[in-house]
N, C-alpha and C. Protein backbone atom coordinates (compact mmCIF):
# COMPACT_ATOMS: atom_id res chain seq x y z
N UNK A 1 -200.90 85.09 59.20
CA UNK A 1 -201.10 83.94 58.40
C UNK A 1 -200.17 83.93 57.21
N UNK A 2 -200.01 85.07 56.75
CA UNK A 2 -199.13 85.09 55.57
C UNK A 2 -197.76 84.71 55.95
N UNK A 3 -197.33 85.02 57.18
CA UNK A 3 -196.02 84.61 57.63
C UNK A 3 -195.93 83.14 57.74
N UNK A 4 -197.09 82.51 58.25
CA UNK A 4 -197.13 81.05 58.37
C UNK A 4 -197.06 80.45 57.01
N UNK A 5 -197.72 81.06 56.07
CA UNK A 5 -197.75 80.51 54.70
C UNK A 5 -196.35 80.57 54.12
N UNK A 6 -195.61 81.55 54.39
CA UNK A 6 -194.25 81.69 53.89
C UNK A 6 -193.37 80.67 54.49
N UNK A 7 -193.59 80.38 55.75
CA UNK A 7 -192.70 79.36 56.42
C UNK A 7 -193.05 78.01 55.89
N UNK A 8 -194.38 77.73 55.62
CA UNK A 8 -194.74 76.37 55.16
C UNK A 8 -194.20 76.15 53.72
N UNK A 9 -194.12 77.20 52.96
CA UNK A 9 -193.71 76.98 51.56
C UNK A 9 -192.25 76.62 51.53
N UNK A 10 -191.48 77.11 52.45
CA UNK A 10 -190.05 76.70 52.59
C UNK A 10 -189.22 77.22 51.46
N UNK A 11 -188.51 76.31 50.76
CA UNK A 11 -187.54 76.66 49.77
C UNK A 11 -188.22 77.36 48.55
N UNK A 12 -189.43 77.05 48.22
CA UNK A 12 -189.99 77.60 47.03
C UNK A 12 -190.19 79.09 47.23
N UNK A 13 -190.66 79.53 48.46
CA UNK A 13 -190.83 80.95 48.68
C UNK A 13 -189.48 81.67 48.71
N UNK A 14 -188.48 81.01 49.19
CA UNK A 14 -187.14 81.54 49.23
C UNK A 14 -186.62 81.74 47.82
N UNK A 15 -186.84 80.74 46.92
CA UNK A 15 -186.39 80.88 45.50
C UNK A 15 -187.17 82.02 44.87
N UNK A 16 -188.46 82.20 45.23
CA UNK A 16 -189.20 83.33 44.68
C UNK A 16 -188.57 84.61 45.13
N UNK A 17 -188.19 84.64 46.43
CA UNK A 17 -187.52 85.88 46.95
C UNK A 17 -186.24 86.09 46.19
N UNK A 18 -185.52 85.04 45.94
CA UNK A 18 -184.25 85.12 45.20
C UNK A 18 -184.45 85.67 43.75
N UNK A 19 -185.55 85.15 43.19
CA UNK A 19 -185.84 85.62 41.78
C UNK A 19 -186.27 87.13 41.82
N UNK A 20 -187.07 87.48 42.81
CA UNK A 20 -187.47 88.91 42.97
C UNK A 20 -186.24 89.76 43.15
N UNK A 21 -185.36 89.31 44.08
CA UNK A 21 -184.17 90.13 44.39
C UNK A 21 -183.28 90.22 43.18
N UNK A 22 -183.26 89.17 42.41
CA UNK A 22 -182.41 89.17 41.21
C UNK A 22 -182.99 90.13 40.14
N UNK A 23 -184.35 90.10 40.00
CA UNK A 23 -185.01 90.96 39.01
C UNK A 23 -184.88 92.43 39.39
N UNK A 24 -185.04 92.78 40.62
CA UNK A 24 -185.00 94.15 41.09
C UNK A 24 -183.65 94.74 40.96
N UNK A 25 -182.65 93.96 41.11
CA UNK A 25 -181.26 94.51 41.10
C UNK A 25 -180.66 94.50 39.70
N UNK A 26 -179.97 95.51 39.42
CA UNK A 26 -179.29 95.59 38.14
C UNK A 26 -177.90 94.92 38.29
N UNK A 27 -177.40 94.93 39.54
CA UNK A 27 -176.12 94.30 39.81
C UNK A 27 -176.39 93.03 40.63
N UNK A 28 -176.38 91.83 40.02
CA UNK A 28 -176.80 90.60 40.67
C UNK A 28 -175.87 90.19 41.83
N UNK A 29 -174.65 90.61 41.85
CA UNK A 29 -173.72 90.20 42.85
C UNK A 29 -174.10 90.82 44.21
N UNK A 30 -174.55 92.06 44.19
CA UNK A 30 -174.81 92.71 45.48
C UNK A 30 -176.01 92.19 46.18
N UNK A 31 -177.06 91.76 45.51
CA UNK A 31 -178.34 91.43 46.09
C UNK A 31 -178.58 89.94 46.05
N UNK A 32 -177.53 89.07 45.92
CA UNK A 32 -177.80 87.59 45.80
C UNK A 32 -178.00 87.08 47.21
N UNK A 33 -179.07 86.32 47.41
CA UNK A 33 -179.40 85.69 48.63
C UNK A 33 -179.42 84.15 48.36
N UNK A 34 -178.53 83.43 49.09
CA UNK A 34 -178.44 81.98 48.92
C UNK A 34 -178.81 81.31 50.19
N UNK A 35 -179.78 80.41 50.09
CA UNK A 35 -180.19 79.66 51.27
C UNK A 35 -179.22 78.53 51.44
N UNK A 36 -178.67 78.31 52.65
CA UNK A 36 -177.71 77.25 52.97
C UNK A 36 -178.37 75.92 52.81
N UNK A 37 -179.63 75.78 53.25
CA UNK A 37 -180.31 74.52 53.17
C UNK A 37 -180.54 74.09 51.67
N UNK A 38 -180.83 75.07 50.86
CA UNK A 38 -181.08 74.77 49.45
C UNK A 38 -179.79 74.35 48.79
N UNK A 39 -178.68 75.04 49.14
CA UNK A 39 -177.42 74.67 48.60
C UNK A 39 -177.02 73.18 49.02
N UNK A 40 -177.33 72.91 50.28
CA UNK A 40 -176.97 71.55 50.81
C UNK A 40 -177.81 70.52 50.08
N UNK A 41 -179.11 70.82 49.89
CA UNK A 41 -179.96 69.88 49.18
C UNK A 41 -179.61 69.73 47.71
N UNK A 42 -179.26 70.83 47.08
CA UNK A 42 -178.85 70.76 45.66
C UNK A 42 -177.52 69.96 45.56
N UNK A 43 -176.61 70.19 46.52
CA UNK A 43 -175.37 69.49 46.53
C UNK A 43 -175.62 68.03 46.69
N UNK A 44 -176.46 67.72 47.65
CA UNK A 44 -176.75 66.32 47.98
C UNK A 44 -177.40 65.64 46.74
N UNK A 45 -178.32 66.33 46.13
CA UNK A 45 -179.02 65.79 44.92
C UNK A 45 -177.99 65.57 43.83
N UNK A 46 -177.14 66.56 43.60
CA UNK A 46 -176.14 66.47 42.55
C UNK A 46 -175.21 65.27 42.82
N UNK A 47 -174.76 65.22 44.09
CA UNK A 47 -173.86 64.07 44.42
C UNK A 47 -174.54 62.69 44.29
N UNK A 48 -175.79 62.68 44.76
CA UNK A 48 -176.53 61.36 44.71
C UNK A 48 -176.76 60.98 43.25
N UNK A 49 -176.91 61.96 42.40
CA UNK A 49 -177.14 61.69 40.99
C UNK A 49 -175.81 61.21 40.27
N UNK A 50 -174.66 61.94 40.52
CA UNK A 50 -173.50 61.64 39.76
C UNK A 50 -172.52 60.72 40.52
N UNK A 51 -172.61 60.69 41.84
CA UNK A 51 -171.60 59.91 42.61
C UNK A 51 -171.54 58.44 42.24
N UNK A 52 -172.64 57.73 42.13
CA UNK A 52 -172.57 56.28 41.79
C UNK A 52 -171.87 56.11 40.39
N UNK A 53 -172.23 56.91 39.41
CA UNK A 53 -171.56 56.78 38.16
C UNK A 53 -170.03 57.06 38.25
N UNK A 54 -169.74 58.13 39.07
CA UNK A 54 -168.35 58.48 39.23
C UNK A 54 -167.57 57.28 39.99
N UNK A 55 -168.21 56.77 40.93
CA UNK A 55 -167.59 55.65 41.61
C UNK A 55 -167.41 54.41 40.74
N UNK A 56 -168.42 54.16 39.93
CA UNK A 56 -168.34 53.08 38.96
C UNK A 56 -167.19 53.39 37.97
N UNK A 57 -167.11 54.62 37.54
CA UNK A 57 -166.04 55.00 36.58
C UNK A 57 -164.71 54.79 37.26
N UNK A 58 -164.63 55.25 38.54
CA UNK A 58 -163.41 55.07 39.24
C UNK A 58 -162.94 53.63 39.38
N UNK A 59 -163.96 52.72 39.67
CA UNK A 59 -163.67 51.29 39.73
C UNK A 59 -163.23 50.77 38.43
N UNK A 60 -163.95 51.16 37.35
CA UNK A 60 -163.55 50.68 36.00
C UNK A 60 -162.20 51.17 35.65
N UNK A 61 -161.84 52.47 35.94
CA UNK A 61 -160.50 52.95 35.63
C UNK A 61 -159.43 52.15 36.41
N UNK A 62 -159.76 51.88 37.75
CA UNK A 62 -158.78 51.11 38.50
C UNK A 62 -158.58 49.70 37.88
N UNK A 63 -159.73 49.11 37.46
CA UNK A 63 -159.61 47.81 36.88
C UNK A 63 -158.82 47.89 35.50
N UNK A 64 -159.08 48.88 34.76
CA UNK A 64 -158.33 49.10 33.49
C UNK A 64 -156.83 49.30 33.77
N UNK A 65 -156.56 50.05 34.81
CA UNK A 65 -155.12 50.27 35.16
C UNK A 65 -154.50 48.93 35.59
N UNK A 66 -155.23 48.13 36.32
CA UNK A 66 -154.66 46.88 36.73
C UNK A 66 -154.46 45.94 35.50
N UNK A 67 -155.47 45.96 34.62
CA UNK A 67 -155.34 45.18 33.40
C UNK A 67 -154.20 45.67 32.52
N UNK A 68 -154.03 46.94 32.51
CA UNK A 68 -152.87 47.52 31.75
C UNK A 68 -151.56 47.10 32.31
N UNK A 69 -151.51 47.12 33.68
CA UNK A 69 -150.28 46.59 34.28
C UNK A 69 -149.96 45.15 33.99
N UNK A 70 -151.08 44.38 34.04
CA UNK A 70 -150.92 42.93 33.70
C UNK A 70 -150.50 42.76 32.29
N UNK A 71 -151.09 43.51 31.40
CA UNK A 71 -150.71 43.46 29.98
C UNK A 71 -149.21 43.88 29.78
N UNK A 72 -148.86 44.87 30.50
CA UNK A 72 -147.42 45.31 30.38
C UNK A 72 -146.48 44.25 30.85
N UNK A 73 -146.83 43.60 31.97
CA UNK A 73 -146.01 42.52 32.53
C UNK A 73 -145.96 41.35 31.53
N UNK A 74 -147.14 41.01 30.96
CA UNK A 74 -147.24 39.92 29.97
C UNK A 74 -146.38 40.29 28.75
N UNK A 75 -146.54 41.55 28.29
CA UNK A 75 -145.74 41.99 27.13
C UNK A 75 -144.22 41.96 27.39
N UNK A 76 -143.86 42.28 28.67
CA UNK A 76 -142.46 42.23 29.04
C UNK A 76 -141.98 40.76 29.02
N UNK A 77 -142.83 39.86 29.49
CA UNK A 77 -142.46 38.41 29.45
C UNK A 77 -142.33 37.91 28.04
N UNK A 78 -143.22 38.36 27.16
CA UNK A 78 -143.18 37.94 25.76
C UNK A 78 -141.91 38.48 25.06
N UNK A 79 -141.57 39.73 25.38
CA UNK A 79 -140.32 40.30 24.83
C UNK A 79 -139.11 39.48 25.35
N UNK A 80 -139.18 39.08 26.61
CA UNK A 80 -138.03 38.22 27.15
C UNK A 80 -138.00 36.93 26.44
N UNK A 81 -139.19 36.31 26.23
CA UNK A 81 -139.22 35.03 25.49
C UNK A 81 -138.67 35.14 24.09
N UNK A 82 -139.05 36.26 23.43
CA UNK A 82 -138.59 36.43 22.05
C UNK A 82 -137.08 36.66 22.07
N UNK A 83 -136.60 37.40 22.94
CA UNK A 83 -135.10 37.65 23.02
C UNK A 83 -134.42 36.35 23.32
N UNK A 84 -134.97 35.52 24.19
CA UNK A 84 -134.44 34.24 24.46
C UNK A 84 -134.40 33.35 23.19
N UNK A 85 -135.53 33.39 22.41
CA UNK A 85 -135.57 32.67 21.21
C UNK A 85 -134.56 33.14 20.21
N UNK A 86 -134.37 34.50 20.12
CA UNK A 86 -133.32 35.04 19.27
C UNK A 86 -131.95 34.57 19.71
N UNK A 87 -131.75 34.51 21.06
CA UNK A 87 -130.47 34.07 21.52
C UNK A 87 -130.29 32.59 21.14
N UNK A 88 -131.37 31.83 21.19
CA UNK A 88 -131.24 30.40 20.81
C UNK A 88 -130.94 30.27 19.37
N UNK A 89 -131.59 31.15 18.57
CA UNK A 89 -131.30 31.11 17.10
C UNK A 89 -129.85 31.44 16.84
N UNK A 90 -129.39 32.51 17.55
CA UNK A 90 -127.97 32.83 17.42
C UNK A 90 -127.03 31.69 17.86
N UNK A 91 -127.47 31.01 18.94
CA UNK A 91 -126.69 29.94 19.44
C UNK A 91 -126.69 28.78 18.44
N UNK A 92 -127.83 28.51 17.85
CA UNK A 92 -127.92 27.47 16.77
C UNK A 92 -127.02 27.79 15.60
N UNK A 93 -127.10 29.00 15.20
CA UNK A 93 -126.25 29.40 14.05
C UNK A 93 -124.79 29.30 14.43
N UNK A 94 -124.50 29.61 15.66
CA UNK A 94 -123.10 29.48 16.12
C UNK A 94 -122.64 27.96 16.10
N UNK A 95 -123.58 27.09 16.55
CA UNK A 95 -123.22 25.67 16.51
C UNK A 95 -123.11 25.24 15.09
N UNK A 96 -123.93 25.63 14.22
CA UNK A 96 -123.88 25.27 12.79
C UNK A 96 -122.54 25.74 12.21
N UNK A 97 -122.17 26.97 12.48
CA UNK A 97 -120.92 27.49 12.01
C UNK A 97 -119.75 26.69 12.59
N UNK A 98 -119.83 26.35 13.86
CA UNK A 98 -118.77 25.60 14.51
C UNK A 98 -118.66 24.22 13.84
N UNK A 99 -119.77 23.63 13.48
CA UNK A 99 -119.76 22.29 12.81
C UNK A 99 -119.08 22.43 11.44
N UNK A 100 -119.42 23.48 10.73
CA UNK A 100 -118.80 23.67 9.41
C UNK A 100 -117.26 23.84 9.58
N UNK A 101 -116.81 24.60 10.53
CA UNK A 101 -115.39 24.80 10.74
C UNK A 101 -114.74 23.48 11.21
N UNK A 102 -115.46 22.70 12.04
CA UNK A 102 -114.92 21.42 12.50
C UNK A 102 -114.71 20.52 11.26
N UNK A 103 -115.68 20.49 10.39
CA UNK A 103 -115.58 19.63 9.19
C UNK A 103 -114.43 20.08 8.34
N UNK A 104 -114.19 21.39 8.26
CA UNK A 104 -113.04 21.89 7.48
C UNK A 104 -111.72 21.47 8.14
N UNK A 105 -111.68 21.50 9.48
CA UNK A 105 -110.50 21.10 10.17
C UNK A 105 -110.23 19.60 9.95
N UNK A 106 -111.30 18.81 9.98
CA UNK A 106 -111.13 17.36 9.78
C UNK A 106 -110.57 17.11 8.37
N UNK A 107 -111.14 17.79 7.40
CA UNK A 107 -110.64 17.56 6.01
C UNK A 107 -109.18 18.04 5.88
N UNK A 108 -108.85 19.14 6.52
CA UNK A 108 -107.45 19.60 6.50
C UNK A 108 -106.54 18.57 7.13
N UNK A 109 -106.99 18.00 8.25
CA UNK A 109 -106.15 17.03 8.93
C UNK A 109 -105.97 15.77 8.08
N UNK A 110 -107.03 15.34 7.36
CA UNK A 110 -106.93 14.21 6.45
C UNK A 110 -105.88 14.50 5.35
N UNK A 111 -106.03 15.76 4.80
CA UNK A 111 -105.04 16.15 3.78
C UNK A 111 -103.59 16.11 4.26
N UNK A 112 -103.44 16.62 5.51
CA UNK A 112 -102.11 16.66 6.06
C UNK A 112 -101.57 15.23 6.26
N UNK A 113 -102.43 14.31 6.72
CA UNK A 113 -102.02 12.95 6.85
C UNK A 113 -101.64 12.32 5.56
N UNK A 114 -102.45 12.57 4.48
CA UNK A 114 -102.13 12.03 3.21
C UNK A 114 -100.81 12.63 2.68
N UNK A 115 -100.61 13.95 2.89
CA UNK A 115 -99.39 14.63 2.40
C UNK A 115 -98.17 14.01 3.18
N UNK A 116 -98.37 13.77 4.50
CA UNK A 116 -97.26 13.17 5.28
C UNK A 116 -96.92 11.80 4.79
N UNK A 117 -97.97 11.04 4.47
CA UNK A 117 -97.72 9.64 3.97
C UNK A 117 -96.99 9.69 2.60
N UNK A 118 -97.40 10.62 1.70
CA UNK A 118 -96.75 10.74 0.40
C UNK A 118 -95.32 11.19 0.60
N UNK A 119 -95.09 12.14 1.44
CA UNK A 119 -93.69 12.64 1.67
C UNK A 119 -92.83 11.51 2.24
N UNK A 120 -93.42 10.72 3.19
CA UNK A 120 -92.64 9.60 3.74
C UNK A 120 -92.29 8.64 2.62
N UNK A 121 -93.26 8.26 1.77
CA UNK A 121 -92.95 7.35 0.71
C UNK A 121 -91.90 7.97 -0.27
N UNK A 122 -92.10 9.24 -0.57
CA UNK A 122 -91.11 9.91 -1.47
C UNK A 122 -89.69 9.89 -0.83
N UNK A 123 -89.62 10.11 0.47
CA UNK A 123 -88.32 10.08 1.15
C UNK A 123 -87.71 8.66 1.08
N UNK A 124 -88.57 7.67 1.32
CA UNK A 124 -88.00 6.29 1.19
C UNK A 124 -87.53 5.99 -0.20
N UNK A 125 -88.32 6.41 -1.21
CA UNK A 125 -87.93 6.17 -2.57
C UNK A 125 -86.68 6.96 -2.94
N UNK A 126 -86.58 8.19 -2.43
CA UNK A 126 -85.39 8.98 -2.70
C UNK A 126 -84.15 8.32 -2.06
N UNK A 127 -84.31 7.76 -0.87
CA UNK A 127 -83.22 7.11 -0.16
C UNK A 127 -82.84 5.85 -0.92
N UNK A 128 -83.82 5.11 -1.39
CA UNK A 128 -83.54 3.92 -2.19
C UNK A 128 -82.75 4.29 -3.44
N UNK A 129 -83.26 5.34 -4.12
CA UNK A 129 -82.57 5.83 -5.37
C UNK A 129 -81.13 6.29 -5.05
N UNK A 130 -80.98 6.95 -3.94
CA UNK A 130 -79.62 7.43 -3.57
C UNK A 130 -78.80 6.24 -3.29
N UNK A 131 -79.30 5.28 -2.58
CA UNK A 131 -78.48 4.04 -2.27
C UNK A 131 -78.17 3.33 -3.57
N UNK A 132 -79.13 3.24 -4.47
CA UNK A 132 -78.91 2.52 -5.75
C UNK A 132 -77.86 3.29 -6.55
N UNK A 133 -77.93 4.60 -6.57
CA UNK A 133 -76.92 5.40 -7.32
C UNK A 133 -75.52 5.26 -6.68
N UNK A 134 -75.50 5.19 -5.39
CA UNK A 134 -74.21 4.98 -4.72
C UNK A 134 -73.65 3.64 -5.05
N UNK A 135 -74.57 2.62 -5.07
CA UNK A 135 -74.18 1.32 -5.40
C UNK A 135 -73.67 1.22 -6.81
N UNK A 136 -74.41 1.87 -7.72
CA UNK A 136 -73.99 1.93 -9.12
C UNK A 136 -72.69 2.63 -9.26
N UNK A 137 -72.56 3.74 -8.55
CA UNK A 137 -71.32 4.54 -8.67
C UNK A 137 -70.12 3.65 -8.06
N UNK A 138 -70.39 2.89 -7.04
CA UNK A 138 -69.35 2.03 -6.45
C UNK A 138 -69.02 0.95 -7.38
N UNK A 139 -70.03 0.35 -8.01
CA UNK A 139 -69.77 -0.70 -8.96
C UNK A 139 -69.08 -0.17 -10.18
N UNK A 140 -69.42 1.02 -10.60
CA UNK A 140 -68.75 1.66 -11.73
C UNK A 140 -67.25 1.86 -11.38
N UNK A 141 -67.02 2.39 -10.17
CA UNK A 141 -65.69 2.68 -9.74
C UNK A 141 -64.90 1.36 -9.65
N UNK A 142 -65.55 0.31 -9.14
CA UNK A 142 -64.89 -1.01 -9.04
C UNK A 142 -64.61 -1.53 -10.46
N UNK A 143 -65.56 -1.36 -11.38
CA UNK A 143 -65.43 -1.76 -12.75
C UNK A 143 -64.24 -1.04 -13.40
N UNK A 144 -64.17 0.25 -13.18
CA UNK A 144 -63.04 1.01 -13.74
C UNK A 144 -61.72 0.60 -13.15
N UNK A 145 -61.68 0.31 -11.88
CA UNK A 145 -60.48 -0.12 -11.27
C UNK A 145 -60.07 -1.51 -11.85
N UNK A 146 -61.03 -2.34 -12.07
CA UNK A 146 -60.74 -3.66 -12.65
C UNK A 146 -60.17 -3.46 -14.03
N UNK A 147 -60.76 -2.52 -14.80
CA UNK A 147 -60.30 -2.33 -16.16
C UNK A 147 -58.92 -1.74 -16.11
N UNK A 148 -58.67 -0.81 -15.17
CA UNK A 148 -57.33 -0.24 -15.01
C UNK A 148 -56.33 -1.30 -14.65
N UNK A 149 -56.74 -2.19 -13.76
CA UNK A 149 -55.83 -3.29 -13.32
C UNK A 149 -55.58 -4.26 -14.51
N UNK A 150 -56.60 -4.47 -15.21
CA UNK A 150 -56.45 -5.37 -16.37
C UNK A 150 -55.61 -4.73 -17.44
N UNK A 151 -55.83 -3.45 -17.66
CA UNK A 151 -54.96 -2.74 -18.56
C UNK A 151 -53.51 -2.81 -18.11
N UNK A 152 -53.30 -2.65 -16.84
CA UNK A 152 -51.93 -2.69 -16.30
C UNK A 152 -51.33 -4.15 -16.52
N UNK A 153 -52.20 -5.07 -16.34
CA UNK A 153 -51.72 -6.43 -16.54
C UNK A 153 -51.46 -6.74 -18.02
N UNK A 154 -52.21 -6.09 -18.83
CA UNK A 154 -52.05 -6.29 -20.27
C UNK A 154 -50.86 -5.50 -20.78
N UNK A 155 -50.45 -4.58 -20.17
CA UNK A 155 -49.28 -3.83 -20.64
C UNK A 155 -48.08 -4.70 -20.56
N UNK A 156 -47.36 -4.63 -21.68
CA UNK A 156 -46.20 -5.49 -21.73
C UNK A 156 -45.22 -5.11 -20.70
N UNK A 157 -44.65 -6.15 -20.10
CA UNK A 157 -43.66 -5.88 -19.04
C UNK A 157 -42.26 -6.25 -19.61
N UNK A 158 -41.37 -5.47 -19.46
CA UNK A 158 -40.03 -5.92 -19.94
C UNK A 158 -39.55 -7.03 -19.14
N UNK A 159 -39.02 -7.93 -19.83
CA UNK A 159 -38.46 -9.12 -19.18
C UNK A 159 -37.28 -8.73 -18.34
N UNK A 160 -37.03 -9.50 -17.45
CA UNK A 160 -35.91 -9.21 -16.58
C UNK A 160 -34.67 -9.87 -17.14
N UNK A 161 -33.68 -9.21 -17.17
CA UNK A 161 -32.45 -9.73 -17.72
C UNK A 161 -31.73 -10.48 -16.61
N UNK A 162 -31.39 -11.56 -16.99
CA UNK A 162 -30.64 -12.34 -16.03
C UNK A 162 -29.35 -12.77 -16.53
């Protein structure tokens, strides 16, 4: 009957045997008796207790990883947008600078046209002055020749002897 009682008790009698064997031995490694069924039940209990939480944690970690990847992609897109905006700002400043230089070129062109008109007028005036001086010099020369001719005519001529 005692044997039947031991069999009915199952794992508890075995754990008592384990405790007794553990207490009797000074070296626990030599006298350790482990029941396979108890190990399986303990493993199953441990897994059933922690496995749902671990699976939930695994799902949460996967979701976090996906969210992190989405955030990285979004961040990359934002960086691209910002660099595009910076490029547009650079382009705008380039257009502004081009406009300033264009205005400078237009003002230089106007100055050149005014200078050309002034030089043309000065050339015409110089030509007129040159022509007037030539005319005056010619008139002076003609006047001098007239005076010389008049002086020649005024000079007494010896009469011809006949």
